Amino acid sequence: MNQDAHGQPLNRTFNAARLDDRKIDELIGLCKGVLADGEVSQFEVEYLQNWLRNNIEISGHWPANVLYQRIEAMLADNVLDVEEQKDLLQTLMDLTGEPSIHESVTSMSTSLPLTIPDPEIDFEGRIFCLTGKFVTGTRKQCESLVLERNGSLKSSPTRDTNFLVIGLVGSSDWIHSTHGRKIEKAVELQESGTNLAIVSEEHWVRFIV
């Protein structure tokens, strides 16, 4: 791969993707800042709206697309009412994983893309992909639970994957602070019409019997 004087790739597509990643990280940081006082003001939401508009190139990338659409709809009348404040506060909490949405576990993973309603999980003949760190056990132990129930595994979601399971604790090596490439890929597959379901470890473990 061709590199510049600083050893960075000259591939424009690669560099554009890296810039988008940085902007997603910046957006997540902004959202955490908004949540610092546990409230969402109209001024803060208008700031997020302006930031998203000024970085419109990432408005099609999850999770920026979800936030962009919701904020635009909420501020269409230039007023953020009480119910909209509550809804957006929950959305930001889900997006960032802060504070925890689980009482028993401090979760660092996002719940925003989970399939609703929670699907039934059948292991027999189904293909699973696991991402993040699991409270249930190590990655190898969790993979064994799938294999023992006649399910199969893939390291990354594909069109024939049935379930992406997100570990409650997240993972320090995720490309963003709250989610990674596997979640982004799964969301893309869902949007393309596949039957892939994204579920939490908390839901998945209920079917480990």
N, C-alpha and C. Protein backbone atom coordinates (compact mmCIF):
# COMPACT_ATOMS: atom_id res chain seq x y z
N MET A 1 0.85 -1.19 0.00
CA MET A 1 0.00 0.00 0.00
C MET A 1 0.89 1.25 0.00
N ASN A 2 0.58 2.20 -0.86
CA ASN A 2 1.34 3.44 -0.91
C ASN A 2 1.14 4.25 0.36
N GLN A 3 2.22 4.88 0.81
CA GLN A 3 2.16 5.66 2.05
C GLN A 3 2.75 7.04 1.81
N ASP A 4 2.33 7.99 2.66
CA ASP A 4 2.88 9.33 2.56
C ASP A 4 4.16 9.43 3.39
N ALA A 5 4.69 10.63 3.54
CA ALA A 5 5.95 10.82 4.27
C ALA A 5 5.85 10.46 5.74
N HIS A 6 4.63 10.40 6.26
CA HIS A 6 4.41 10.06 7.67
C HIS A 6 4.07 8.58 7.85
N GLY A 7 4.15 7.81 6.77
CA GLY A 7 3.84 6.39 6.86
C GLY A 7 2.37 6.09 6.87
N GLN A 8 1.52 7.08 6.48
CA GLN A 8 0.09 6.88 6.46
C GLN A 8 -0.37 6.48 5.06
N PRO A 9 -1.39 5.61 4.97
CA PRO A 9 -1.87 5.14 3.67
C PRO A 9 -2.39 6.30 2.82
N LEU A 10 -2.11 6.23 1.52
CA LEU A 10 -2.60 7.24 0.59
C LEU A 10 -3.98 6.88 0.04
N ASN A 11 -4.43 5.68 0.33
CA ASN A 11 -5.74 5.24 -0.14
C ASN A 11 -6.83 6.14 0.41
N ARG A 12 -7.53 6.85 -0.48
CA ARG A 12 -8.51 7.83 -0.04
C ARG A 12 -9.69 7.20 0.69
N THR A 13 -10.12 6.03 0.20
CA THR A 13 -11.24 5.35 0.85
C THR A 13 -10.89 4.96 2.28
N PHE A 14 -9.67 4.44 2.47
CA PHE A 14 -9.20 4.05 3.80
C PHE A 14 -9.15 5.26 4.72
N ASN A 15 -8.58 6.35 4.22
CA ASN A 15 -8.45 7.55 5.05
C ASN A 15 -9.81 8.15 5.39
N ALA A 16 -10.74 8.11 4.44
CA ALA A 16 -12.09 8.63 4.69
C ALA A 16 -12.77 7.82 5.78
N ALA A 17 -12.58 6.49 5.75
CA ALA A 17 -13.18 5.63 6.77
C ALA A 17 -12.61 5.95 8.15
N ARG A 18 -11.30 6.23 8.20
CA ARG A 18 -10.67 6.57 9.48
C ARG A 18 -11.22 7.89 10.02
N LEU A 19 -11.42 8.85 9.12
CA LEU A 19 -11.98 10.13 9.54
C LEU A 19 -13.40 9.96 10.07
N ASP A 20 -14.18 9.11 9.41
CA ASP A 20 -15.54 8.84 9.87
C ASP A 20 -15.53 8.20 11.25
N ASP A 21 -14.59 7.27 11.46
CA ASP A 21 -14.47 6.62 12.77
C ASP A 21 -14.18 7.66 13.85
N ARG A 22 -13.29 8.58 13.56
CA ARG A 22 -12.94 9.61 14.54
C ARG A 22 -14.14 10.49 14.86
N LYS A 23 -14.94 10.78 13.84
CA LYS A 23 -16.11 11.63 14.07
C LYS A 23 -17.18 10.90 14.87
N ILE A 24 -17.32 9.60 14.64
CA ILE A 24 -18.26 8.81 15.44
C ILE A 24 -17.80 8.82 16.89
N ASP A 25 -16.49 8.64 17.11
CA ASP A 25 -15.96 8.69 18.47
C ASP A 25 -16.21 10.06 19.11
N GLU A 26 -16.04 11.11 18.32
CA GLU A 26 -16.28 12.46 18.83
C GLU A 26 -17.74 12.63 19.20
N LEU A 27 -18.62 12.11 18.36
CA LEU A 27 -20.06 12.20 18.64
C LEU A 27 -20.41 11.48 19.94
N ILE A 28 -19.86 10.30 20.14
CA ILE A 28 -20.12 9.54 21.37
C ILE A 28 -19.61 10.33 22.57
N GLY A 29 -18.46 10.96 22.42
CA GLY A 29 -17.93 11.79 23.50
C GLY A 29 -18.84 12.97 23.82
N LEU A 30 -19.39 13.60 22.79
CA LEU A 30 -20.33 14.69 22.99
C LEU A 30 -21.57 14.22 23.73
N CYS A 31 -22.06 13.06 23.34
CA CYS A 31 -23.26 12.51 23.98
C CYS A 31 -23.01 12.21 25.46
N LYS A 32 -21.82 11.72 25.78
CA LYS A 32 -21.48 11.46 27.18
C LYS A 32 -21.41 12.77 27.96
N GLY A 33 -20.91 13.81 27.29
CA GLY A 33 -20.86 15.11 27.94
C GLY A 33 -22.24 15.65 28.25
N VAL A 34 -23.18 15.45 27.33
CA VAL A 34 -24.57 15.88 27.55
C VAL A 34 -25.17 15.15 28.75
N LEU A 35 -24.79 13.88 28.92
CA LEU A 35 -25.36 13.06 29.99
C LEU A 35 -24.72 13.34 31.36
N ALA A 36 -23.68 14.14 31.39
CA ALA A 36 -22.92 14.34 32.62
C ALA A 36 -23.77 14.80 33.79
N ASP A 37 -24.78 15.65 33.52
CA ASP A 37 -25.62 16.14 34.61
C ASP A 37 -26.95 15.39 34.70
N GLY A 38 -27.11 14.34 33.88
CA GLY A 38 -28.32 13.53 33.95
C GLY A 38 -29.54 14.17 33.32
N GLU A 39 -29.35 15.27 32.60
CA GLU A 39 -30.46 15.96 31.96
C GLU A 39 -30.08 16.32 30.52
N VAL A 40 -31.10 16.62 29.72
CA VAL A 40 -30.88 17.04 28.35
C VAL A 40 -31.64 18.35 28.12
N SER A 41 -30.91 19.42 27.86
CA SER A 41 -31.55 20.72 27.64
C SER A 41 -31.73 20.97 26.15
N GLN A 42 -32.60 21.90 25.81
CA GLN A 42 -32.80 22.23 24.40
C GLN A 42 -31.51 22.80 23.80
N PHE A 43 -30.78 23.58 24.57
CA PHE A 43 -29.52 24.13 24.07
C PHE A 43 -28.56 23.01 23.69
N GLU A 44 -28.46 21.98 24.53
CA GLU A 44 -27.56 20.85 24.25
C GLU A 44 -27.99 20.09 23.01
N VAL A 45 -29.31 19.90 22.87
CA VAL A 45 -29.82 19.17 21.71
C VAL A 45 -29.59 19.97 20.43
N GLU A 46 -29.77 21.28 20.50
CA GLU A 46 -29.51 22.13 19.34
C GLU A 46 -28.04 22.10 18.96
N TYR A 47 -27.18 22.00 19.97
CA TYR A 47 -25.75 21.89 19.71
C TYR A 47 -25.44 20.58 18.98
N LEU A 48 -26.04 19.47 19.46
CA LEU A 48 -25.85 18.18 18.79
C LEU A 48 -26.38 18.23 17.36
N GLN A 49 -27.53 18.88 17.19
CA GLN A 49 -28.12 18.99 15.86
C GLN A 49 -27.17 19.73 14.91
N ASN A 50 -26.62 20.85 15.37
CA ASN A 50 -25.69 21.62 14.54
C ASN A 50 -24.43 20.82 14.24
N TRP A 51 -23.94 20.09 15.24
CA TRP A 51 -22.74 19.28 15.02
C TRP A 51 -23.01 18.22 13.96
N LEU A 52 -24.16 17.55 14.05
CA LEU A 52 -24.51 16.51 13.08
C LEU A 52 -24.69 17.10 11.69
N ARG A 53 -25.30 18.26 11.61
CA ARG A 53 -25.46 18.90 10.31
C ARG A 53 -24.12 19.30 9.71
N ASN A 54 -23.21 19.74 10.56
CA ASN A 54 -21.88 20.13 10.08
C ASN A 54 -21.01 18.93 9.72
N ASN A 55 -21.43 17.75 10.18
CA ASN A 55 -20.70 16.52 9.86
C ASN A 55 -21.66 15.56 9.17
N ILE A 56 -22.38 16.08 8.20
CA ILE A 56 -23.45 15.34 7.54
C ILE A 56 -22.96 14.07 6.86
N GLU A 57 -21.66 13.99 6.57
CA GLU A 57 -21.13 12.81 5.89
C GLU A 57 -21.26 11.54 6.72
N ILE A 58 -21.43 11.68 8.05
CA ILE A 58 -21.60 10.47 8.86
C ILE A 58 -23.06 10.23 9.24
N SER A 59 -23.97 11.05 8.70
CA SER A 59 -25.38 10.92 9.07
C SER A 59 -26.00 9.62 8.58
N GLY A 60 -25.30 8.93 7.68
CA GLY A 60 -25.81 7.64 7.22
C GLY A 60 -25.20 6.47 7.94
N HIS A 61 -24.28 6.74 8.87
CA HIS A 61 -23.60 5.67 9.62
C HIS A 61 -24.26 5.50 10.99
N TRP A 62 -24.49 4.23 11.35
CA TRP A 62 -24.98 3.96 12.70
C TRP A 62 -23.84 4.23 13.68
N PRO A 63 -24.09 4.84 14.86
CA PRO A 63 -25.39 5.25 15.39
C PRO A 63 -25.76 6.70 15.09
N ALA A 64 -24.91 7.41 14.30
CA ALA A 64 -25.20 8.81 14.00
C ALA A 64 -26.53 8.97 13.27
N ASN A 65 -26.86 7.99 12.41
CA ASN A 65 -28.11 8.11 11.65
C ASN A 65 -29.34 8.07 12.55
N VAL A 66 -29.29 7.23 13.59
CA VAL A 66 -30.42 7.15 14.53
C VAL A 66 -30.59 8.46 15.27
N LEU A 67 -29.48 8.98 15.79
CA LEU A 67 -29.53 10.22 16.56
C LEU A 67 -29.94 11.40 15.69
N TYR A 68 -29.39 11.46 14.49
CA TYR A 68 -29.69 12.56 13.57
C TYR A 68 -31.18 12.60 13.26
N GLN A 69 -31.76 11.46 12.91
CA GLN A 69 -33.17 11.41 12.55
C GLN A 69 -34.06 11.80 13.73
N ARG A 70 -33.73 11.33 14.92
CA ARG A 70 -34.56 11.63 16.09
C ARG A 70 -34.50 13.10 16.46
N ILE A 71 -33.30 13.66 16.44
CA ILE A 71 -33.16 15.07 16.80
C ILE A 71 -33.85 15.97 15.78
N GLU A 72 -33.70 15.66 14.51
CA GLU A 72 -34.35 16.45 13.47
C GLU A 72 -35.87 16.43 13.64
N ALA A 73 -36.41 15.26 13.96
CA ALA A 73 -37.86 15.13 14.15
C ALA A 73 -38.32 15.89 15.39
N MET A 74 -37.55 15.79 16.46
CA MET A 74 -37.93 16.44 17.72
C MET A 74 -37.88 17.96 17.63
N LEU A 75 -36.92 18.48 16.86
CA LEU A 75 -36.77 19.93 16.78
C LEU A 75 -37.42 20.53 15.53
N ALA A 76 -38.25 19.73 14.87
CA ALA A 76 -38.95 20.23 13.67
C ALA A 76 -39.82 21.44 14.00
N ASP A 77 -40.36 21.49 15.24
CA ASP A 77 -41.19 22.62 15.68
C ASP A 77 -40.39 23.61 16.53
N ASN A 78 -39.07 23.40 16.59
CA ASN A 78 -38.15 24.27 17.34
C ASN A 78 -38.38 24.23 18.85
N VAL A 79 -39.09 23.22 19.32
CA VAL A 79 -39.35 23.08 20.76
C VAL A 79 -39.08 21.65 21.19
N LEU A 80 -38.29 21.48 22.24
CA LEU A 80 -38.05 20.16 22.81
C LEU A 80 -38.91 20.03 24.06
N ASP A 81 -40.02 19.30 23.95
CA ASP A 81 -40.92 19.21 25.09
C ASP A 81 -40.42 18.17 26.10
N VAL A 82 -41.13 18.04 27.20
CA VAL A 82 -40.70 17.18 28.31
C VAL A 82 -40.59 15.72 27.87
N GLU A 83 -41.59 15.24 27.13
CA GLU A 83 -41.57 13.85 26.68
C GLU A 83 -40.41 13.60 25.73
N GLU A 84 -40.15 14.55 24.86
CA GLU A 84 -39.03 14.41 23.94
C GLU A 84 -37.70 14.43 24.68
N GLN A 85 -37.61 15.24 25.74
CA GLN A 85 -36.40 15.25 26.55
C GLN A 85 -36.15 13.88 27.17
N LYS A 86 -37.21 13.28 27.71
CA LYS A 86 -37.09 11.96 28.34
C LYS A 86 -36.68 10.90 27.31
N ASP A 87 -37.32 10.97 26.14
CA ASP A 87 -37.03 10.00 25.09
C ASP A 87 -35.58 10.12 24.62
N LEU A 88 -35.13 11.36 24.43
CA LEU A 88 -33.77 11.57 23.95
C LEU A 88 -32.75 11.20 25.02
N LEU A 89 -33.07 11.47 26.27
CA LEU A 89 -32.18 11.09 27.37
C LEU A 89 -31.97 9.58 27.35
N GLN A 90 -33.04 8.81 27.18
CA GLN A 90 -32.93 7.36 27.13
C GLN A 90 -32.14 6.91 25.91
N THR A 91 -32.38 7.58 24.78
CA THR A 91 -31.65 7.25 23.56
C THR A 91 -30.15 7.44 23.75
N LEU A 92 -29.77 8.55 24.37
CA LEU A 92 -28.35 8.82 24.61
C LEU A 92 -27.75 7.82 25.60
N MET A 93 -28.53 7.43 26.59
CA MET A 93 -28.07 6.42 27.54
C MET A 93 -27.85 5.09 26.84
N ASP A 94 -28.79 4.73 25.97
CA ASP A 94 -28.67 3.47 25.22
C ASP A 94 -27.48 3.52 24.28
N LEU A 95 -27.29 4.66 23.63
CA LEU A 95 -26.21 4.80 22.65
C LEU A 95 -24.85 4.70 23.30
N THR A 96 -24.69 5.32 24.46
CA THR A 96 -23.38 5.36 25.10
C THR A 96 -23.15 4.27 26.13
N GLY A 97 -24.23 3.64 26.59
CA GLY A 97 -24.10 2.66 27.67
C GLY A 97 -23.92 3.31 29.01
N GLU A 98 -24.21 4.61 29.13
CA GLU A 98 -24.04 5.33 30.40
C GLU A 98 -25.32 6.06 30.77
N PRO A 99 -25.82 5.92 31.98
CA PRO A 99 -25.39 4.93 32.96
C PRO A 99 -25.87 3.55 32.56
N SER A 100 -25.54 2.55 33.34
CA SER A 100 -25.88 1.19 33.00
C SER A 100 -27.38 1.00 32.86
N ILE A 101 -27.78 0.23 31.86
CA ILE A 101 -29.19 -0.11 31.69
C ILE A 101 -29.51 -1.40 32.43
N HIS A 102 -28.49 -2.01 33.03
CA HIS A 102 -28.68 -3.24 33.79
C HIS A 102 -28.34 -2.97 35.25
N GLU A 103 -29.21 -3.33 36.16
CA GLU A 103 -28.99 -3.04 37.57
C GLU A 103 -27.85 -3.85 38.17
N SER A 104 -27.66 -5.07 37.66
CA SER A 104 -26.70 -5.96 38.29
C SER A 104 -25.30 -5.89 37.67
N VAL A 105 -25.19 -5.31 36.47
CA VAL A 105 -23.91 -5.30 35.77
C VAL A 105 -23.66 -3.91 35.22
N THR A 106 -22.44 -3.40 35.39
CA THR A 106 -22.08 -2.13 34.79
C THR A 106 -21.74 -2.40 33.33
N SER A 107 -22.66 -2.12 32.46
CA SER A 107 -22.49 -2.42 31.04
C SER A 107 -21.80 -1.29 30.31
N MET A 108 -20.82 -1.65 29.48
CA MET A 108 -20.16 -0.66 28.64
C MET A 108 -20.60 -0.81 27.20
N SER A 109 -21.53 -1.71 26.93
CA SER A 109 -21.97 -1.93 25.57
C SER A 109 -23.27 -1.21 25.30
N THR A 110 -23.52 -0.91 24.05
CA THR A 110 -24.71 -0.17 23.69
C THR A 110 -25.90 -1.10 23.49
N SER A 111 -27.11 -0.64 23.83
CA SER A 111 -28.31 -1.44 23.63
C SER A 111 -29.12 -0.92 22.46
N LEU A 112 -28.67 0.16 21.84
CA LEU A 112 -29.46 0.82 20.81
C LEU A 112 -29.87 -0.07 19.65
N PRO A 113 -29.00 -0.92 19.08
CA PRO A 113 -29.41 -1.68 17.90
C PRO A 113 -30.10 -3.01 18.17
N LEU A 114 -30.45 -3.31 19.42
CA LEU A 114 -31.05 -4.61 19.72
C LEU A 114 -32.37 -4.79 18.99
N THR A 115 -32.60 -6.02 18.53
CA THR A 115 -33.83 -6.35 17.83
C THR A 115 -35.02 -6.26 18.78
N ILE A 116 -36.07 -5.57 18.36
CA ILE A 116 -37.28 -5.40 19.16
C ILE A 116 -38.47 -5.90 18.35
N PRO A 117 -39.33 -6.78 18.92
CA PRO A 117 -39.22 -7.35 20.27
C PRO A 117 -38.13 -8.42 20.32
N ASP A 118 -37.72 -8.77 21.54
CA ASP A 118 -36.69 -9.80 21.71
C ASP A 118 -37.15 -11.09 21.04
N PRO A 119 -36.33 -11.65 20.16
CA PRO A 119 -36.73 -12.87 19.45
C PRO A 119 -36.52 -14.13 20.28
N GLU A 120 -37.25 -15.18 19.93
CA GLU A 120 -36.98 -16.50 20.49
C GLU A 120 -35.64 -16.98 19.93
N ILE A 121 -34.86 -17.64 20.76
CA ILE A 121 -33.55 -18.11 20.32
C ILE A 121 -33.51 -19.64 20.33
N ASP A 122 -33.33 -20.21 19.14
CA ASP A 122 -33.20 -21.65 18.98
C ASP A 122 -31.77 -21.91 18.50
N PHE A 123 -31.06 -22.80 19.16
CA PHE A 123 -29.66 -23.04 18.84
C PHE A 123 -29.48 -24.05 17.71
N GLU A 124 -30.37 -25.01 17.62
CA GLU A 124 -30.24 -26.10 16.66
C GLU A 124 -30.12 -25.57 15.23
N GLY A 125 -28.96 -25.81 14.61
CA GLY A 125 -28.77 -25.43 13.22
C GLY A 125 -28.65 -23.94 12.96
N ARG A 126 -28.57 -23.12 14.01
CA ARG A 126 -28.49 -21.67 13.84
C ARG A 126 -27.05 -21.19 13.93
N ILE A 127 -26.78 -20.07 13.27
CA ILE A 127 -25.42 -19.52 13.23
C ILE A 127 -25.34 -18.30 14.13
N PHE A 128 -24.36 -18.30 15.02
CA PHE A 128 -24.18 -17.23 16.00
C PHE A 128 -22.85 -16.52 15.79
N CYS A 129 -22.85 -15.24 16.10
CA CYS A 129 -21.61 -14.45 16.16
C CYS A 129 -21.63 -13.73 17.50
N LEU A 130 -20.52 -13.79 18.23
CA LEU A 130 -20.44 -13.17 19.55
C LEU A 130 -19.50 -11.97 19.49
N THR A 131 -19.85 -10.90 20.21
CA THR A 131 -18.98 -9.73 20.26
C THR A 131 -18.98 -9.12 21.65
N GLY A 132 -17.86 -8.57 22.06
CA GLY A 132 -17.76 -7.98 23.38
C GLY A 132 -17.32 -8.98 24.43
N LYS A 133 -17.29 -8.55 25.68
CA LYS A 133 -16.93 -9.40 26.81
C LYS A 133 -18.19 -9.84 27.53
N PHE A 134 -18.23 -11.10 27.92
CA PHE A 134 -19.43 -11.69 28.48
C PHE A 134 -19.30 -11.92 29.98
N VAL A 135 -20.41 -11.64 30.69
CA VAL A 135 -20.49 -11.93 32.11
C VAL A 135 -20.63 -13.44 32.32
N THR A 136 -21.27 -14.11 31.36
CA THR A 136 -21.54 -15.55 31.46
C THR A 136 -20.26 -16.36 31.56
N GLY A 137 -19.19 -15.91 30.94
CA GLY A 137 -17.93 -16.64 30.95
C GLY A 137 -16.97 -16.06 29.93
N THR A 138 -15.87 -16.74 29.71
CA THR A 138 -14.92 -16.31 28.70
C THR A 138 -15.55 -16.50 27.32
N ARG A 139 -14.94 -15.90 26.32
CA ARG A 139 -15.46 -16.08 24.96
C ARG A 139 -15.49 -17.57 24.58
N LYS A 140 -14.44 -18.29 24.93
CA LYS A 140 -14.38 -19.71 24.61
C LYS A 140 -15.50 -20.48 25.30
N GLN A 141 -15.78 -20.15 26.56
CA GLN A 141 -16.85 -20.82 27.29
C GLN A 141 -18.21 -20.52 26.66
N CYS A 142 -18.42 -19.27 26.25
CA CYS A 142 -19.69 -18.90 25.63
C CYS A 142 -19.86 -19.57 24.27
N GLU A 143 -18.77 -19.67 23.53
CA GLU A 143 -18.82 -20.36 22.25
C GLU A 143 -19.16 -21.83 22.44
N SER A 144 -18.61 -22.43 23.50
CA SER A 144 -18.90 -23.83 23.80
C SER A 144 -20.37 -24.05 24.10
N LEU A 145 -21.00 -23.06 24.76
CA LEU A 145 -22.43 -23.17 25.06
C LEU A 145 -23.25 -23.23 23.78
N VAL A 146 -22.82 -22.51 22.76
CA VAL A 146 -23.51 -22.55 21.46
C VAL A 146 -23.30 -23.90 20.79
N LEU A 147 -22.06 -24.35 20.75
CA LEU A 147 -21.72 -25.61 20.08
C LEU A 147 -22.38 -26.81 20.75
N GLU A 148 -22.46 -26.78 22.08
CA GLU A 148 -23.07 -27.88 22.82
C GLU A 148 -24.56 -28.02 22.51
N ARG A 149 -25.17 -26.95 22.02
CA ARG A 149 -26.60 -26.96 21.68
C ARG A 149 -26.83 -27.05 20.19
N ASN A 150 -25.79 -27.55 19.49
CA ASN A 150 -25.86 -27.81 18.04
C ASN A 150 -26.01 -26.55 17.20
N GLY A 151 -25.54 -25.43 17.75
CA GLY A 151 -25.45 -24.22 16.95
C GLY A 151 -24.05 -24.13 16.36
N SER A 152 -23.82 -23.19 15.46
CA SER A 152 -22.49 -22.99 14.89
C SER A 152 -22.10 -21.53 15.04
N LEU A 153 -20.82 -21.25 14.79
CA LEU A 153 -20.28 -19.92 15.06
C LEU A 153 -19.58 -19.33 13.84
N LYS A 154 -19.63 -18.01 13.77
CA LYS A 154 -18.85 -17.27 12.78
C LYS A 154 -18.14 -16.13 13.50
N SER A 155 -16.95 -15.80 13.03
CA SER A 155 -16.18 -14.75 13.69
C SER A 155 -16.71 -13.36 13.37
N SER A 156 -17.46 -13.24 12.27
CA SER A 156 -18.04 -11.96 11.88
C SER A 156 -19.40 -12.23 11.24
N PRO A 157 -20.38 -11.34 11.43
CA PRO A 157 -21.71 -11.60 10.87
C PRO A 157 -21.72 -11.57 9.34
N THR A 158 -22.46 -12.52 8.75
CA THR A 158 -22.64 -12.59 7.31
C THR A 158 -24.13 -12.74 7.02
N ARG A 159 -24.48 -12.83 5.76
CA ARG A 159 -25.90 -12.86 5.38
C ARG A 159 -26.64 -14.08 5.93
N ASP A 160 -25.91 -15.16 6.23
CA ASP A 160 -26.58 -16.36 6.75
C ASP A 160 -26.50 -16.46 8.27
N THR A 161 -25.95 -15.43 8.93
CA THR A 161 -25.90 -15.42 10.40
C THR A 161 -27.29 -15.16 10.96
N ASN A 162 -27.66 -15.92 11.99
CA ASN A 162 -28.99 -15.76 12.60
C ASN A 162 -28.99 -14.81 13.78
N PHE A 163 -27.91 -14.84 14.59
CA PHE A 163 -27.88 -14.02 15.80
C PHE A 163 -26.50 -13.40 16.03
N LEU A 164 -26.49 -12.10 16.32
CA LEU A 164 -25.30 -11.45 16.86
C LEU A 164 -25.60 -11.21 18.33
N VAL A 165 -24.75 -11.74 19.20
CA VAL A 165 -24.95 -11.60 20.64
C VAL A 165 -23.93 -10.61 21.19
N ILE A 166 -24.42 -9.55 21.86
CA ILE A 166 -23.55 -8.51 22.39
C ILE A 166 -23.30 -8.74 23.88
N GLY A 167 -22.05 -8.96 24.26
CA GLY A 167 -21.70 -9.15 25.66
C GLY A 167 -22.00 -7.91 26.49
N LEU A 168 -22.39 -8.11 27.74
CA LEU A 168 -22.81 -6.99 28.59
C LEU A 168 -21.69 -6.02 28.91
N VAL A 169 -20.45 -6.49 28.96
CA VAL A 169 -19.37 -5.64 29.43
C VAL A 169 -18.66 -4.92 28.29
N GLY A 170 -19.02 -5.18 27.07
CA GLY A 170 -18.35 -4.53 25.96
C GLY A 170 -16.95 -5.07 25.76
N SER A 171 -16.11 -4.34 25.07
CA SER A 171 -14.76 -4.80 24.80
C SER A 171 -13.85 -3.61 24.59
N SER A 172 -12.68 -3.65 25.22
CA SER A 172 -11.75 -2.53 25.13
C SER A 172 -11.17 -2.35 23.74
N ASP A 173 -11.28 -3.39 22.90
CA ASP A 173 -10.69 -3.27 21.57
C ASP A 173 -11.72 -2.93 20.50
N TRP A 174 -12.94 -2.55 20.91
CA TRP A 174 -13.93 -2.12 19.93
C TRP A 174 -13.46 -0.85 19.26
N ILE A 175 -13.78 -0.70 17.98
CA ILE A 175 -13.32 0.46 17.21
C ILE A 175 -13.85 1.75 17.79
N HIS A 176 -15.04 1.72 18.37
CA HIS A 176 -15.59 2.88 19.06
C HIS A 176 -15.74 2.49 20.53
N SER A 177 -15.98 3.47 21.39
CA SER A 177 -16.01 3.18 22.83
C SER A 177 -17.21 2.34 23.24
N THR A 178 -18.26 2.28 22.41
CA THR A 178 -19.44 1.53 22.82
C THR A 178 -19.82 0.43 21.85
N HIS A 179 -19.23 0.38 20.69
CA HIS A 179 -19.59 -0.66 19.75
C HIS A 179 -18.48 -0.86 18.76
N GLY A 180 -18.55 -1.96 18.01
CA GLY A 180 -17.49 -2.29 17.08
C GLY A 180 -17.99 -2.61 15.69
N ARG A 181 -17.06 -3.12 14.88
CA ARG A 181 -17.35 -3.41 13.49
C ARG A 181 -18.43 -4.48 13.33
N LYS A 182 -18.44 -5.46 14.24
CA LYS A 182 -19.42 -6.53 14.10
C LYS A 182 -20.84 -5.98 14.24
N ILE A 183 -21.03 -5.04 15.17
CA ILE A 183 -22.36 -4.45 15.35
C ILE A 183 -22.71 -3.60 14.14
N GLU A 184 -21.75 -2.81 13.65
CA GLU A 184 -22.00 -2.00 12.46
C GLU A 184 -22.38 -2.89 11.28
N LYS A 185 -21.66 -4.00 11.10
CA LYS A 185 -21.93 -4.92 9.99
C LYS A 185 -23.31 -5.56 10.15
N ALA A 186 -23.66 -5.94 11.38
CA ALA A 186 -24.96 -6.56 11.62
C ALA A 186 -26.10 -5.60 11.29
N VAL A 187 -25.93 -4.34 11.67
CA VAL A 187 -26.96 -3.34 11.37
C VAL A 187 -27.11 -3.18 9.85
N GLU A 188 -25.98 -3.17 9.13
CA GLU A 188 -26.03 -3.07 7.67
C GLU A 188 -26.75 -4.26 7.07
N LEU A 189 -26.48 -5.46 7.59
CA LEU A 189 -27.14 -6.67 7.09
C LEU A 189 -28.64 -6.61 7.34
N GLN A 190 -29.03 -6.15 8.52
CA GLN A 190 -30.45 -6.00 8.82
C GLN A 190 -31.11 -5.05 7.82
N GLU A 191 -30.45 -3.93 7.56
CA GLU A 191 -31.02 -2.93 6.66
C GLU A 191 -31.11 -3.44 5.23
N SER A 192 -30.28 -4.44 4.89
CA SER A 192 -30.31 -5.01 3.54
C SER A 192 -31.36 -6.10 3.40
N GLY A 193 -32.07 -6.40 4.50
CA GLY A 193 -33.19 -7.34 4.43
C GLY A 193 -32.95 -8.73 4.96
N THR A 194 -31.80 -8.98 5.61
CA THR A 194 -31.56 -10.30 6.18
C THR A 194 -32.37 -10.49 7.46
N ASN A 195 -32.44 -11.73 7.91
CA ASN A 195 -33.19 -12.04 9.14
C ASN A 195 -32.30 -12.07 10.38
N LEU A 196 -31.14 -11.50 10.30
CA LEU A 196 -30.23 -11.49 11.44
C LEU A 196 -30.84 -10.70 12.60
N ALA A 197 -30.76 -11.27 13.80
CA ALA A 197 -31.26 -10.61 15.01
C ALA A 197 -30.08 -10.23 15.89
N ILE A 198 -30.13 -9.02 16.45
CA ILE A 198 -29.10 -8.55 17.37
C ILE A 198 -29.67 -8.62 18.78
N VAL A 199 -29.05 -9.41 19.64
CA VAL A 199 -29.59 -9.63 20.98
C VAL A 199 -28.52 -9.39 22.04
N SER A 200 -28.96 -9.08 23.24
CA SER A 200 -28.04 -8.87 24.36
C SER A 200 -27.68 -10.20 24.99
N GLU A 201 -26.55 -10.22 25.69
CA GLU A 201 -26.18 -11.41 26.46
C GLU A 201 -27.26 -11.74 27.47
N GLU A 202 -27.84 -10.72 28.07
CA GLU A 202 -28.88 -10.90 29.07
C GLU A 202 -30.06 -11.69 28.51
N HIS A 203 -30.47 -11.40 27.27
CA HIS A 203 -31.57 -12.13 26.64
C HIS A 203 -31.10 -13.52 26.19
N TRP A 204 -29.93 -13.59 25.59
CA TRP A 204 -29.39 -14.85 25.06
C TRP A 204 -29.26 -15.91 26.13
N VAL A 205 -28.80 -15.51 27.33
CA VAL A 205 -28.51 -16.48 28.38
C VAL A 205 -29.80 -17.12 28.91
N ARG A 206 -30.94 -16.49 28.70
CA ARG A 206 -32.22 -17.07 29.14
C ARG A 206 -32.54 -18.37 28.41
N PHE A 207 -31.94 -18.56 27.24
CA PHE A 207 -32.22 -19.75 26.45
C PHE A 207 -31.16 -20.82 26.63
N ILE A 208 -30.20 -20.55 27.53
CA ILE A 208 -29.19 -21.56 27.86
C ILE A 208 -29.77 -22.48 28.92
N VAL A 209 -30.42 -23.53 28.51
CA VAL A 209 -31.07 -24.46 29.45
C VAL A 209 -30.54 -25.86 29.27
